[in-house]
C-alpha atoms as a PDB file:
ATOM      1  CA  MET A   1      45.216  50.439   8.146  1.00  0.00           C
ATOM      2  CA  LYS A   2      43.828  49.883  11.636  1.00  0.00           C
ATOM      3  CA  LYS A   3      46.364  52.268  13.211  1.00  0.00           C
ATOM      4  CA  CYS A   4      44.165  55.186  12.142  1.00  0.00           C
ATOM      5  CA  LEU A   5      41.009  53.786  13.708  1.00  0.00           C
ATOM      6  CA  LEU A   6      40.112  53.753  17.381  1.00  0.00           C
ATOM      7  CA  VAL A   7      43.324  55.363  18.565  1.00  0.00           C
ATOM      8  CA  LEU A   8      42.133  58.599  17.009  1.00  0.00           C
ATOM      9  CA  LEU A   9      39.048  58.455  19.190  1.00  0.00           C
ATOM     10  CA  VAL A  10      41.233  58.557  22.273  1.00  0.00           C
ATOM     11  CA  LEU A  11      43.032  61.625  20.991  1.00  0.00           C
ATOM     12  CA  VAL A  12      39.755  63.395  20.402  1.00  0.00           C
ATOM     13  CA  GLY A  13      38.549  62.541  23.879  1.00  0.00           C
ATOM     14  CA  LEU A  14      41.772  63.810  25.427  1.00  0.00           C
ATOM     15  CA  ALA A  15      41.285  67.107  23.650  1.00  0.00           C
ATOM     16  CA  ALA A  16      38.115  67.510  25.753  1.00  0.00           C
ATOM     17  CA  CYS A  17      36.435  69.807  23.259  1.00  0.00           C
ATOM     18  CA  ASN A  18      33.062  71.124  24.367  1.00  0.00           C
ATOM     19  CA  SER A  19      31.972  72.895  21.200  1.00  0.00           C
ATOM     20  CA  LEU A  20      31.808  72.249  17.494  1.00  0.00           C
ATOM     21  CA  PRO A  21      35.082  72.882  15.677  1.00  0.00           C
ATOM     22  CA  THR A  22      35.190  75.755  13.240  1.00  0.00           C
ATOM     23  CA  LYS A  23      34.937  74.979   9.553  1.00  0.00           C
ATOM     24  CA  THR A  24      38.122  73.414   8.230  1.00  0.00           C
ATOM     25  CA  SER A  25      39.473  72.842   4.744  1.00  0.00           C
ATOM     26  CA  GLN A  26      39.164  69.445   3.143  1.00  0.00           C
ATOM     27  CA  PRO A  27      42.225  67.244   3.810  1.00  0.00           C
ATOM     28  CA  PRO A  28      44.394  66.124   0.874  1.00  0.00           C
ATOM     29  CA  LEU A  29      43.890  62.609  -0.452  1.00  0.00           C
ATOM     30  CA  LEU A  30      46.598  60.075  -1.248  1.00  0.00           C
ATOM     31  CA  LEU A  31      46.883  57.031  -3.541  1.00  0.00           C
ATOM     32  CA  ALA A  32      44.337  58.124  -6.133  1.00  0.00           C
ATOM     33  CA  ASP A  33      46.253  55.960  -8.627  1.00  0.00           C
ATOM     34  CA  HIS A  34      46.084  52.817  -6.457  1.00  0.00           C
ATOM     35  CA  VAL A  35      44.894  49.789  -8.418  1.00  0.00           C
ATOM     36  CA  LEU A  36      41.825  49.382  -6.166  1.00  0.00           C
ATOM     37  CA  ALA A  37      40.891  53.040  -5.734  1.00  0.00           C
ATOM     38  CA  GLU A  38      37.335  53.846  -6.893  1.00  0.00           C
ATOM     39  CA  ARG A  39      36.456  50.173  -7.440  1.00  0.00           C
ATOM     40  CA  ILE A  40      33.459  48.458  -5.814  1.00  0.00           C
ATOM     41  CA  TRP A  41      33.728  44.869  -4.577  1.00  0.00           C
ATOM     42  CA  ASP A  42      30.699  42.570  -4.290  1.00  0.00           C
ATOM     43  CA  VAL A  43      31.729  40.329  -1.398  1.00  0.00           C
ATOM     44  CA  SER A  44      29.317  37.442  -1.995  1.00  0.00           C
ATOM     45  CA  ALA A  45      29.849  37.379  -5.770  1.00  0.00           C
ATOM     46  CA  GLN A  46      33.609  37.879  -5.354  1.00  0.00           C
ATOM     47  CA  GLN A  47      33.801  40.340  -8.221  1.00  0.00           C
ATOM     48  CA  PHE A  48      33.966  44.045  -8.975  1.00  0.00           C
ATOM     49  CA  ILE A  49      30.777  45.817  -9.987  1.00  0.00           C
ATOM     50  CA  SER A  50      29.900  49.221 -11.440  1.00  0.00           C
ATOM     51  CA  GLN A  51      28.136  52.045  -9.627  1.00  0.00           C
ATOM     52  CA  GLN A  52      24.981  51.318 -11.609  1.00  0.00           C
ATOM     53  CA  GLN A  53      25.103  47.656 -10.619  1.00  0.00           C
ATOM     54  CA  LEU A  54      25.493  48.719  -7.003  1.00  0.00           C
ATOM     55  CA  VAL A  55      22.407  50.905  -7.274  1.00  0.00           C
ATOM     56  CA  GLU A  56      20.407  47.998  -8.640  1.00  0.00           C
ATOM     57  CA  LYS A  57      21.436  45.887  -5.654  1.00  0.00           C
ATOM     58  CA  ILE A  58      20.734  48.417  -2.886  1.00  0.00           C
ATOM     59  CA  VAL A  59      17.645  50.392  -3.901  1.00  0.00           C
ATOM     60  CA  SER A  60      15.285  47.664  -2.701  1.00  0.00           C
ATOM     61  CA  SER A  61      16.941  47.356   0.718  1.00  0.00           C
ATOM     62  CA  GLU A  62      14.903  47.796   3.895  1.00  0.00           C
ATOM     63  CA  PHE A  63      17.980  48.574   5.974  1.00  0.00           C
ATOM     64  CA  LEU A  64      20.960  50.213   4.278  1.00  0.00           C
ATOM     65  CA  LEU A  65      24.067  50.631   6.429  1.00  0.00           C
ATOM     66  CA  LEU A  66      26.691  53.036   5.079  1.00  0.00           C
ATOM     67  CA  GLY A  67      30.080  52.631   6.780  1.00  0.00           C
ATOM     68  CA  GLU A  68      32.761  55.294   6.528  1.00  0.00           C
ATOM     69  CA  THR A  69      36.073  56.657   7.682  1.00  0.00           C
ATOM     70  CA  HIS A  70      34.854  59.773   9.445  1.00  0.00           C
ATOM     71  CA  ASP A  71      37.320  62.331   8.089  1.00  0.00           C
ATOM     72  CA  ASN A  72      37.392  61.179   4.452  1.00  0.00           C
ATOM     73  CA  PRO A  73      35.376  63.627   2.298  1.00  0.00           C
ATOM     74  CA  LEU A  74      35.012  61.112  -0.543  1.00  0.00           C
ATOM     75  CA  HIS A  75      33.132  58.767   1.753  1.00  0.00           C
ATOM     76  CA  HIS A  76      30.603  61.458   2.581  1.00  0.00           C
ATOM     77  CA  ARG A  77      30.262  62.457  -1.055  1.00  0.00           C
ATOM     78  CA  TYR A  78      29.498  58.886  -2.092  1.00  0.00           C
ATOM     79  CA  GLN A  79      27.100  58.369   0.800  1.00  0.00           C
ATOM     80  CA  ALA A  80      25.242  61.471  -0.373  1.00  0.00           C
ATOM     81  CA  TRP A  81      25.150  59.952  -3.860  1.00  0.00           C
ATOM     82  CA  VAL A  82      23.490  56.826  -2.423  1.00  0.00           C
ATOM     83  CA  ILE A  83      20.844  58.978  -0.733  1.00  0.00           C
ATOM     84  CA  ASP A  84      20.266  60.806  -4.031  1.00  0.00           C
ATOM     85  CA  GLU A  85      19.792  57.462  -5.785  1.00  0.00           C
ATOM     86  CA  LEU A  86      17.190  56.341  -3.243  1.00  0.00           C
ATOM     87  CA  TYR A  87      15.292  59.555  -3.902  1.00  0.00           C
ATOM     88  CA  ALA A  88      15.621  59.145  -7.673  1.00  0.00           C
ATOM     89  CA  HIS A  89      14.134  55.656  -7.377  1.00  0.00           C
ATOM     90  CA  ARG A  90      11.178  57.025  -5.405  1.00  0.00           C
ATOM     91  CA  ARG A  91      12.087  55.289  -2.155  1.00  0.00           C
ATOM     92  CA  SER A  92      10.741  56.751   1.061  1.00  0.00           C
ATOM     93  CA  ALA A  93      13.556  56.802   3.595  1.00  0.00           C
ATOM     94  CA  MET A  94      14.995  58.141   6.819  1.00  0.00           C
ATOM     95  CA  VAL A  95      18.667  58.689   7.581  1.00  0.00           C
ATOM     96  CA  ALA A  96      19.998  57.955  11.085  1.00  0.00           C
ATOM     97  CA  PHE A  97      23.401  59.377  11.974  1.00  0.00           C
ATOM     98  CA  GLU A  98      25.875  58.013  14.480  1.00  0.00           C
ATOM     99  CA  MET A  99      26.993  61.646  14.724  1.00  0.00           C
ATOM    100  CA  ILE A 100      23.673  62.847  16.177  1.00  0.00           C
ATOM    101  CA  SER A 101      22.815  62.161  19.826  1.00  0.00           C
ATOM    102  CA  ARG A 102      19.355  61.523  21.203  1.00  0.00           C
ATOM    103  CA  GLN A 103      19.311  64.951  22.809  1.00  0.00           C
ATOM    104  CA  GLN A 104      19.975  66.503  19.416  1.00  0.00           C
ATOM    105  CA  GLY A 105      17.436  64.175  17.810  1.00  0.00           C
ATOM    106  CA  ASN A 106      14.769  65.363  20.221  1.00  0.00           C
ATOM    107  CA  LEU A 107      15.480  68.954  19.205  1.00  0.00           C
ATOM    108  CA  LEU A 108      15.134  68.051  15.528  1.00  0.00           C
ATOM    109  CA  ALA A 109      11.828  66.275  16.159  1.00  0.00           C
ATOM    110  CA  ASP A 110      10.376  68.950  18.448  1.00  0.00           C
ATOM    111  CA  GLN A 111      11.443  72.118  16.645  1.00  0.00           C
ATOM    112  CA  GLY A 112      11.809  70.933  13.058  1.00  0.00           C
ATOM    113  CA  TYR A 113      14.128  72.212  10.334  1.00  0.00           C
ATOM    114  CA  ASP A 114      13.604  73.207   6.722  1.00  0.00           C
ATOM    115  CA  SER A 115      17.121  74.021   5.586  1.00  0.00           C
ATOM    116  CA  LEU A 116      20.749  73.141   6.167  1.00  0.00           C
ATOM    117  CA  ALA A 117      21.180  76.305   8.224  1.00  0.00           C
ATOM    118  CA  SER A 118      18.282  75.505  10.561  1.00  0.00           C
ATOM    119  CA  LEU A 119      19.447  71.888  10.921  1.00  0.00           C
ATOM    120  CA  LEU A 120      22.971  72.948  11.880  1.00  0.00           C
ATOM    121  CA  ALA A 121      21.637  75.570  14.282  1.00  0.00           C
ATOM    122  CA  LEU A 122      19.695  72.898  16.183  1.00  0.00           C
ATOM    123  CA  LEU A 123      22.594  70.450  16.223  1.00  0.00           C
ATOM    124  CA  LYS A 124      24.906  73.131  17.612  1.00  0.00           C
ATOM    125  CA  GLN A 125      22.663  73.698  20.613  1.00  0.00           C
ATOM    126  CA  VAL A 126      24.166  70.521  22.090  1.00  0.00           C
ATOM    127  CA  PRO A 127      27.976  70.378  22.588  1.00  0.00           C
ATOM    128  CA  SER A 128      29.586  67.853  20.278  1.00  0.00           C
ATOM    129  CA  ASN A 129      33.022  66.937  18.975  1.00  0.00           C
ATOM    130  CA  TRP A 130      31.667  65.878  15.594  1.00  0.00           C
ATOM    131  CA  GLN A 131      32.814  68.042  12.707  1.00  0.00           C
ATOM    132  CA  TYR A 132      29.520  68.595  10.902  1.00  0.00           C
ATOM    133  CA  GLU A 133      31.200  71.288   8.842  1.00  0.00           C
ATOM    134  CA  PRO A 134      32.577  70.519   6.338  1.00  0.00           C
ATOM    135  CA  HIS A 135      32.330  66.716   6.622  1.00  0.00           C
ATOM    136  CA  TYR A 136      28.590  66.024   6.764  1.00  0.00           C
ATOM    137  CA  ILE A 137      27.236  68.917   4.705  1.00  0.00           C
ATOM    138  CA  PRO A 138      26.819  66.788   1.520  1.00  0.00           C
ATOM    139  CA  LEU A 139      24.848  64.160   3.428  1.00  0.00           C
ATOM    140  CA  PHE A 140      22.624  66.658   5.200  1.00  0.00           C
ATOM    141  CA  GLU A 141      21.921  68.493   1.949  1.00  0.00           C
ATOM    142  CA  SER A 142      20.971  65.300   0.103  1.00  0.00           C
ATOM    143  CA  ALA A 143      18.666  64.120   2.890  1.00  0.00           C
ATOM    144  CA  ILE A 144      16.942  67.527   3.157  1.00  0.00           C
ATOM    145  CA  ARG A 145      16.566  67.812  -0.617  1.00  0.00           C
ATOM    146  CA  ALA A 146      14.975  64.349  -0.740  1.00  0.00           C
ATOM    147  CA  GLY A 147      12.663  65.114   2.174  1.00  0.00           C
ATOM    148  CA  PHE A 148      14.120  62.227   4.201  1.00  0.00           C
ATOM    149  CA  GLU A 149      13.886  62.565   7.962  1.00  0.00           C
ATOM    150  CA  ILE A 150      17.218  62.977   9.750  1.00  0.00           C
ATOM    151  CA  ARG A 151      17.363  61.091  13.046  1.00  0.00           C
ATOM    152  CA  ALA A 152      19.719  60.393  15.925  1.00  0.00           C
ATOM    153  CA  ALA A 153      21.506  57.049  16.161  1.00  0.00           C
ATOM    154  CA  SER A 154      23.550  57.621  19.308  1.00  0.00           C
ATOM    155  CA  LEU A 155      22.997  57.915  23.034  1.00  0.00           C
ATOM    156  CA  ASP A 156      23.930  61.194  24.662  1.00  0.00           C
ATOM    157  CA  ARG A 157      27.640  61.523  25.371  1.00  0.00           C
ATOM    158  CA  GLU A 158      27.092  61.602  29.143  1.00  0.00           C
ATOM    159  CA  ARG A 159      25.269  58.251  29.072  1.00  0.00           C
ATOM    160  CA  ILE A 160      27.980  56.617  26.957  1.00  0.00           C
ATOM    161  CA  MET A 161      30.641  57.889  29.341  1.00  0.00           C
ATOM    162  CA  ALA A 162      28.661  56.562  32.314  1.00  0.00           C
ATOM    163  CA  ILE A 163      28.403  53.128  30.689  1.00  0.00           C
ATOM    164  CA  GLY A 164      32.145  53.106  30.066  1.00  0.00           C
ATOM    165  CA  LYS A 165      32.903  54.046  33.683  1.00  0.00           C
ATOM    166  CA  GLN A 166      30.201  52.173  35.626  1.00  0.00           C
ATOM    167  CA  GLY A 167      29.303  49.273  33.354  1.00  0.00           C
ATOM    168  CA  GLU A 168      26.082  47.538  32.417  1.00  0.00           C
ATOM    169  CA  GLN A 169      23.993  49.127  35.174  1.00  0.00           C
ATOM    170  CA  GLU A 170      23.938  52.339  33.114  1.00  0.00           C
ATOM    171  CA  ILE A 171      22.623  50.686  29.934  1.00  0.00           C
ATOM    172  CA  PRO A 172      18.965  51.549  29.097  1.00  0.00           C
ATOM    173  CA  ALA A 173      16.725  48.508  29.561  1.00  0.00           C
ATOM    174  CA  PRO A 174      15.728  48.005  25.868  1.00  0.00           C
ATOM    175  CA  ILE A 175      19.370  48.197  24.816  1.00  0.00           C
ATOM    176  CA  LYS A 176      20.409  45.731  27.523  1.00  0.00           C
ATOM    177  CA  THR A 177      17.765  43.306  26.220  1.00  0.00           C
ATOM    178  CA  ALA A 178      19.187  43.610  22.692  1.00  0.00           C
ATOM    179  CA  LEU A 179      22.668  42.825  24.016  1.00  0.00           C
ATOM    180  CA  ASP A 180      21.373  39.793  25.896  1.00  0.00           C
ATOM    181  CA  TYR A 181      19.814  38.422  22.708  1.00  0.00           C
ATOM    182  CA  ASN A 182      22.984  39.034  20.710  1.00  0.00           C
ATOM    183  CA  THR A 183      25.832  37.606  22.738  1.00  0.00           C
ATOM    184  CA  LEU A 184      29.167  37.244  20.996  1.00  0.00           C
ATOM    185  CA  THR A 185      30.837  33.910  20.458  1.00  0.00           C
ATOM    186  CA  ALA A 186      34.202  33.417  22.119  1.00  0.00           C
ATOM    187  CA  GLY A 187      35.849  33.947  18.754  1.00  0.00           C
ATOM    188  CA  GLN A 188      33.949  37.174  18.042  1.00  0.00           C
ATOM    189  CA  GLU A 189      34.718  38.531  21.496  1.00  0.00           C
ATOM    190  CA  ALA A 190      38.406  37.742  21.095  1.00  0.00           C
ATOM    191  CA  ALA A 191      38.453  39.347  17.653  1.00  0.00           C
ATOM    192  CA  LEU A 192      36.735  42.495  18.923  1.00  0.00           C
ATOM    193  CA  ARG A 193      39.172  42.751  21.796  1.00  0.00           C
ATOM    194  CA  GLN A 194      42.144  42.319  19.465  1.00  0.00           C
ATOM    195  CA  GLU A 195      40.799  44.956  17.094  1.00  0.00           C
ATOM    196  CA  ILE A 196      40.552  47.455  19.937  1.00  0.00           C
ATOM    197  CA  VAL A 197      44.047  46.646  21.187  1.00  0.00           C
ATOM    198  CA  ASP A 198      45.541  46.847  17.690  1.00  0.00           C
ATOM    199  CA  SER A 199      43.725  50.100  17.004  1.00  0.00           C
ATOM    200  CA  HIS A 200      45.343  51.580  20.085  1.00  0.00           C
ATOM    201  CA  CYS A 201      48.865  50.699  18.977  1.00  0.00           C
ATOM    202  CA  GLY A 202      49.087  47.680  21.266  1.00  0.00           C
ATOM    203  CA  MET A 203      47.890  49.368  24.464  1.00  0.00           C
ATOM    204  CA  GLU A 204      46.380  46.697  26.698  1.00  0.00           C
ATOM    205  CA  HIS A 205      45.026  48.541  29.721  1.00  0.00           C
ATOM    206  CA  GLU A 206      42.491  45.841  30.579  1.00  0.00           C
ATOM    207  CA  GLY A 207      39.905  48.048  32.251  1.00  0.00           C
ATOM    208  CA  MET A 208      39.838  50.447  29.350  1.00  0.00           C
ATOM    209  CA  VAL A 209      39.672  47.674  26.747  1.00  0.00           C
ATOM    210  CA  LYS A 210      36.693  46.046  28.489  1.00  0.00           C
ATOM    211  CA  ALA A 211      34.908  49.380  28.770  1.00  0.00           C
ATOM    212  CA  MET A 212      35.476  50.076  25.084  1.00  0.00           C
ATOM    213  CA  MET A 213      34.214  46.640  24.097  1.00  0.00           C
ATOM    214  CA  LEU A 214      31.033  47.259  26.082  1.00  0.00           C
ATOM    215  CA  THR A 215      30.417  50.727  24.672  1.00  0.00           C
ATOM    216  CA  GLN A 216      31.074  49.437  21.140  1.00  0.00           C
ATOM    217  CA  ARG A 217      28.323  46.846  21.555  1.00  0.00           C
ATOM    218  CA  VAL A 218      25.982  49.344  23.212  1.00  0.00           C
ATOM    219  CA  LYS A 219      26.414  51.758  20.305  1.00  0.00           C
ATOM    220  CA  ASP A 220      25.576  48.983  17.832  1.00  0.00           C
ATOM    221  CA  ALA A 221      22.396  48.114  19.715  1.00  0.00           C
ATOM    222  CA  VAL A 222      21.382  51.786  19.955  1.00  0.00           C
ATOM    223  CA  MET A 223      21.860  52.211  16.209  1.00  0.00           C
ATOM    224  CA  MET A 224      19.704  49.148  15.591  1.00  0.00           C
ATOM    225  CA  ASP A 225      17.023  50.590  17.882  1.00  0.00           C
ATOM    226  CA  SER A 226      17.054  53.924  16.043  1.00  0.00           C
ATOM    227  CA  LEU A 227      16.425  52.150  12.737  1.00  0.00           C
ATOM    228  CA  LEU A 228      13.626  49.939  14.013  1.00  0.00           C
ATOM    229  CA  ASN A 229      11.715  52.870  15.503  1.00  0.00           C
ATOM    230  CA  ALA A 230      11.413  54.778  12.266  1.00  0.00           C
ATOM    231  CA  GLY A 231       7.805  54.250  11.221  1.00  0.00           C
ATOM    232  CA  GLU A 232       6.478  52.887   7.933  1.00  0.00           C
ATOM    233  CA  ILE A 233       9.022  53.748   5.250  1.00  0.00           C
ATOM    234  CA  ASP A 234      10.788  51.842   2.487  1.00  0.00           C
ATOM    235  CA  THR A 235      14.445  52.188   3.511  1.00  0.00           C
ATOM    236  CA  ARG A 236      16.107  52.933   6.825  1.00  0.00           C
ATOM    237  CA  VAL A 237      19.597  54.314   6.274  1.00  0.00           C
ATOM    238  CA  LEU A 238      22.399  54.386   8.837  1.00  0.00           C
ATOM    239  CA  VAL A 239      25.519  56.544   8.491  1.00  0.00           C
ATOM    240  CA  ALA A 240      28.240  55.308  10.853  1.00  0.00           C
ATOM    241  CA  GLY A 241      31.841  54.229  11.136  1.00  0.00           C
ATOM    242  CA  SER A 242      32.571  51.031   9.230  1.00  0.00           C
ATOM    243  CA  GLY A 243      33.197  49.165  12.474  1.00  0.00           C
ATOM    244  CA  HIS A 244      29.488  49.516  13.195  1.00  0.00           C
ATOM    245  CA  THR A 245      28.296  48.340   9.767  1.00  0.00           C
ATOM    246  CA  ARG A 246      30.266  45.076   9.730  1.00  0.00           C
ATOM    247  CA  LYS A 247      28.047  41.987   9.594  1.00  0.00           C
ATOM    248  CA  ASP A 248      29.819  39.706  12.055  1.00  0.00           C
ATOM    249  CA  TRP A 249      29.302  41.688  15.272  1.00  0.00           C
ATOM    250  CA  GLY A 250      28.010  45.111  14.224  1.00  0.00           C
ATOM    251  CA  VAL A 251      24.561  46.589  13.635  1.00  0.00           C
ATOM    252  CA  PRO A 252      23.601  44.028  10.926  1.00  0.00           C
ATOM    253  CA  LYS A 253      23.876  41.254  13.522  1.00  0.00           C
ATOM    254  CA  TYR A 254      21.311  42.990  15.747  1.00  0.00           C
ATOM    255  CA  LEU A 255      18.995  43.777  12.849  1.00  0.00           C
ATOM    256  CA  ALA A 256      19.086  40.202  11.571  1.00  0.00           C
ATOM    257  CA  GLN A 257      18.000  38.951  14.985  1.00  0.00           C
ATOM    258  CA  ALA A 258      15.181  41.499  15.250  1.00  0.00           C
ATOM    259  CA  ARG A 259      14.031  41.288  11.596  1.00  0.00           C
ATOM    260  CA  PRO A 260      15.276  37.952  10.221  1.00  0.00           C
ATOM    261  CA  LYS A 261      13.434  38.303   6.905  1.00  0.00           C
ATOM    262  CA  ALA A 262      14.421  41.906   6.219  1.00  0.00           C
ATOM    263  CA  ARG A 263      16.590  42.938   3.276  1.00  0.00           C
ATOM    264  CA  ILE A 264      19.713  44.243   5.058  1.00  0.00           C
ATOM    265  CA  VAL A 265      22.609  45.663   3.055  1.00  0.00           C
ATOM    266  CA  ALA A 266      25.893  46.533   4.771  1.00  0.00           C
ATOM    267  CA  MET A 267      28.462  48.665   2.960  1.00  0.00           C
ATOM    268  CA  ALA A 268      31.843  50.138   3.754  1.00  0.00           C
ATOM    269  CA  TRP A 269      33.929  52.768   2.018  1.00  0.00           C
ATOM    270  CA  MET A 270      37.481  51.593   2.673  1.00  0.00           C
ATOM    271  CA  GLU A 271      40.718  53.538   2.301  1.00  0.00           C
ATOM    272  CA  VAL A 272      43.445  51.858   0.251  1.00  0.00           C
ATOM    273  CA  VAL A 273      46.963  51.389   1.597  1.00  0.00           C
ATOM    274  CA  PRO A 274      50.176  51.216  -0.469  1.00  0.00           C
ATOM    275  CA  GLU A 275      51.202  47.670   0.461  1.00  0.00           C
ATOM    276  CA  ALA A 276      47.747  46.120  -0.068  1.00  0.00           C
ATOM    277  CA  MET A 277      47.080  45.657  -3.773  1.00  0.00           C
ATOM    278  CA  GLU A 278      44.570  42.790  -3.681  1.00  0.00           C
ATOM    279  CA  VAL A 279      41.112  42.532  -2.105  1.00  0.00           C
ATOM    280  CA  ALA A 280      42.351  39.534  -0.108  1.00  0.00           C
ATOM    281  CA  ASP A 281      44.904  41.791   1.614  1.00  0.00           C
ATOM    282  CA  TYR A 282      42.078  43.860   3.105  1.00  0.00           C
ATOM    283  CA  ALA A 283      40.062  40.796   4.066  1.00  0.00           C
ATOM    284  CA  GLN A 284      42.961  39.604   6.211  1.00  0.00           C
ATOM    285  CA  ARG A 285      43.189  42.991   7.880  1.00  0.00           C
ATOM    286  CA  TRP A 286      39.531  42.849   8.908  1.00  0.00           C
ATOM    287  CA  GLY A 287      39.726  39.599  10.834  1.00  0.00           C
ATOM    288  CA  ASP A 288      39.033  36.055   9.740  1.00  0.00           C
ATOM    289  CA  GLY A 289      39.945  36.380   6.076  1.00  0.00           C
ATOM    290  CA  ALA A 290      36.580  37.592   4.758  1.00  0.00           C
ATOM    291  CA  LEU A 291      35.435  41.176   4.395  1.00  0.00           C
ATOM    292  CA  PRO A 292      32.475  41.493   6.814  1.00  0.00           C
ATOM    293  CA  PHE A 293      30.282  43.550   4.461  1.00  0.00           C
ATOM    294  CA  ASP A 294      28.055  43.020   1.449  1.00  0.00           C
ATOM    295  CA  TYR A 295      29.850  45.647  -0.633  1.00  0.00           C
ATOM    296  CA  VAL A 296      33.164  47.481  -0.244  1.00  0.00           C
ATOM    297  CA  TRP A 297      33.954  50.675  -2.139  1.00  0.00           C
ATOM    298  CA  PHE A 298      37.695  51.354  -2.145  1.00  0.00           C
ATOM    299  CA  THR A 299      38.848  54.979  -2.094  1.00  0.00           C
ATOM    300  CA  PRO A 300      41.993  57.098  -1.818  1.00  0.00           C
ATOM    301  CA  ARG A 301      43.050  57.749   1.773  1.00  0.00           C
ATOM    302  CA  VAL A 302      43.292  60.960   3.751  1.00  0.00           C
ATOM    303  CA  ASP A 303      46.768  62.380   4.359  1.00  0.00           C
ATOM    304  CA  ARG A 304      46.730  62.461   8.170  1.00  0.00           C
ATOM    305  CA  PRO A 305      49.485  62.421  10.826  1.00  0.00           C
ATOM    306  CA  ASP A 306      50.600  59.108  12.306  1.00  0.00           C
ATOM    307  CA  PRO A 307      47.941  58.497  14.981  1.00  0.00           C
ATOM    308  CA  CYS A 308      50.193  56.177  16.967  1.00  0.00           C
ATOM    309  CA  GLU A 309      52.798  58.896  17.395  1.00  0.00           C
ATOM    310  CA  GLN A 310      50.118  61.317  18.611  1.00  0.00           C
ATOM    311  CA  PHE A 311      48.757  58.629  20.894  1.00  0.00           C
ATOM    312  CA  ARG A 312      52.171  57.966  22.433  1.00  0.00           C
ATOM    313  CA  GLN A 313      52.735  61.655  23.066  1.00  0.00           C
ATOM    314  CA  HIS A 314      49.385  62.031  24.823  1.00  0.00           C
ATOM    315  CA  MET A 315      49.850  58.907  26.922  1.00  0.00           C
ATOM    316  CA  LYS A 316      53.556  59.345  27.753  1.00  0.00           C
ATOM    317  CA  ASN A 317      52.988  60.869  31.178  1.00  0.00           C
ATOM    318  CA  ARG A 318      49.570  59.419  31.971  1.00  0.00           C
ATOM    319  CA  PRO A 319      49.501  56.704  34.656  1.00  0.00           C
ATOM    320  CA  PRO A 320      47.124  53.751  34.078  1.00  0.00           C
ATOM    321  CA  ALA A 321      44.718  55.147  36.670  1.00  0.00           C
ATOM    322  CA  ALA A 322      44.279  58.236  34.497  1.00  0.00           C
ATOM    323  CA  LEU A 323      43.035  56.217  31.523  1.00  0.00           C
ATOM    324  CA  GLN A 324      39.290  56.552  31.776  1.00  0.00           C
ATOM    325  CA  PRO A 325      36.852  55.010  29.290  1.00  0.00           C
ATOM    326  CA  GLU A 326      35.295  58.386  28.516  1.00  0.00           C
ATOM    327  CA  THR A 327      38.454  59.372  26.642  1.00  0.00           C
ATOM    328  CA  VAL A 328      37.172  57.362  23.686  1.00  0.00           C
ATOM    329  CA  GLN A 329      34.000  59.422  23.381  1.00  0.00           C
ATOM    330  CA  PRO A 330      32.825  60.687  21.022  1.00  0.00           C
ATOM    331  CA  GLU A 331      34.505  59.451  17.887  1.00  0.00           C
ATOM    332  CA  THR A 332      35.313  61.774  15.032  1.00  0.00           C
ATOM    333  CA  LYS A 333      37.636  59.734  12.861  1.00  0.00           C
ATOM    334  CA  GLY A 334      38.399  56.154  12.031  1.00  0.00           C
ATOM    335  CA  GLU A 335      36.526  53.238  10.593  1.00  0.00           C
ATOM    336  CA  ALA A 336      35.548  51.545  13.828  1.00  0.00           C
ATOM    337  CA  GLY A 337      33.609  52.821  16.746  1.00  0.00           C
ATOM    338  CA  ALA A 338      34.604  52.101  20.282  1.00  0.00           C
END
């Protein structure tokens, strides 16, 4: 499962795209008949629940973190359904996107938008590798229809690249403070490092791994900051890769430190795999034997090429000195962010 995570981010970075991709067809989905597909797992209760039961548990949340695999259209469709349910229950909300940079967010705030077309036009003024079309159309439409503000939850690409290359000196002061208050335990740091190595098919270029660990944590803190600075509303929603919505070292950890009494709900839509037929199989794949979310919604998986084979082809003739941290930015696929 993890082979299709961070390694795909490297491939995107190596492509060095400077404009939005053209609209593409939806990818085919596999394993629709898997025993876990379309089932929702309540982690604390250790039982499956219905969609209606899920709604009852999340509509009163103050912070609602929606984790995804970036290229899976079902994940976006169900995230849009969650936004629709918030609106139906008369919740005021904002939706922060990992896929929108602060530069883009400033454009949205300064110029405004009143339709999907005007929103996309503003987003496209800033070069991005994110595939807004067709992937995020359902989410944008639901948020606009509900009247929920759409906000940025990411630093600009240039700043993230600078942090990866030059280190902590490039981190904005408020974000650095959040990192200082949320240090990782030795076990969490080791687990994060191993996840990054595993997600890159065993590549252990130490400088790159350290840079990716730092930018992962910076992204989490930036997402937390974007949610806290959202004004007086009922629910602050985050749309991000599942690696950012995990409770052990992701955005929920930062939110819990900043707002210890807040109602924080962390979700993940998780692709099934053929050899994993029990929930416990997925828990083992995510680290210490427990799924690091409040709720997990299992789905069919996208039929995509083997990312490790693509990774090996790209890296075959690249000396270690050529491996720069910016090649992991920005992410367009995968469950974890680097």
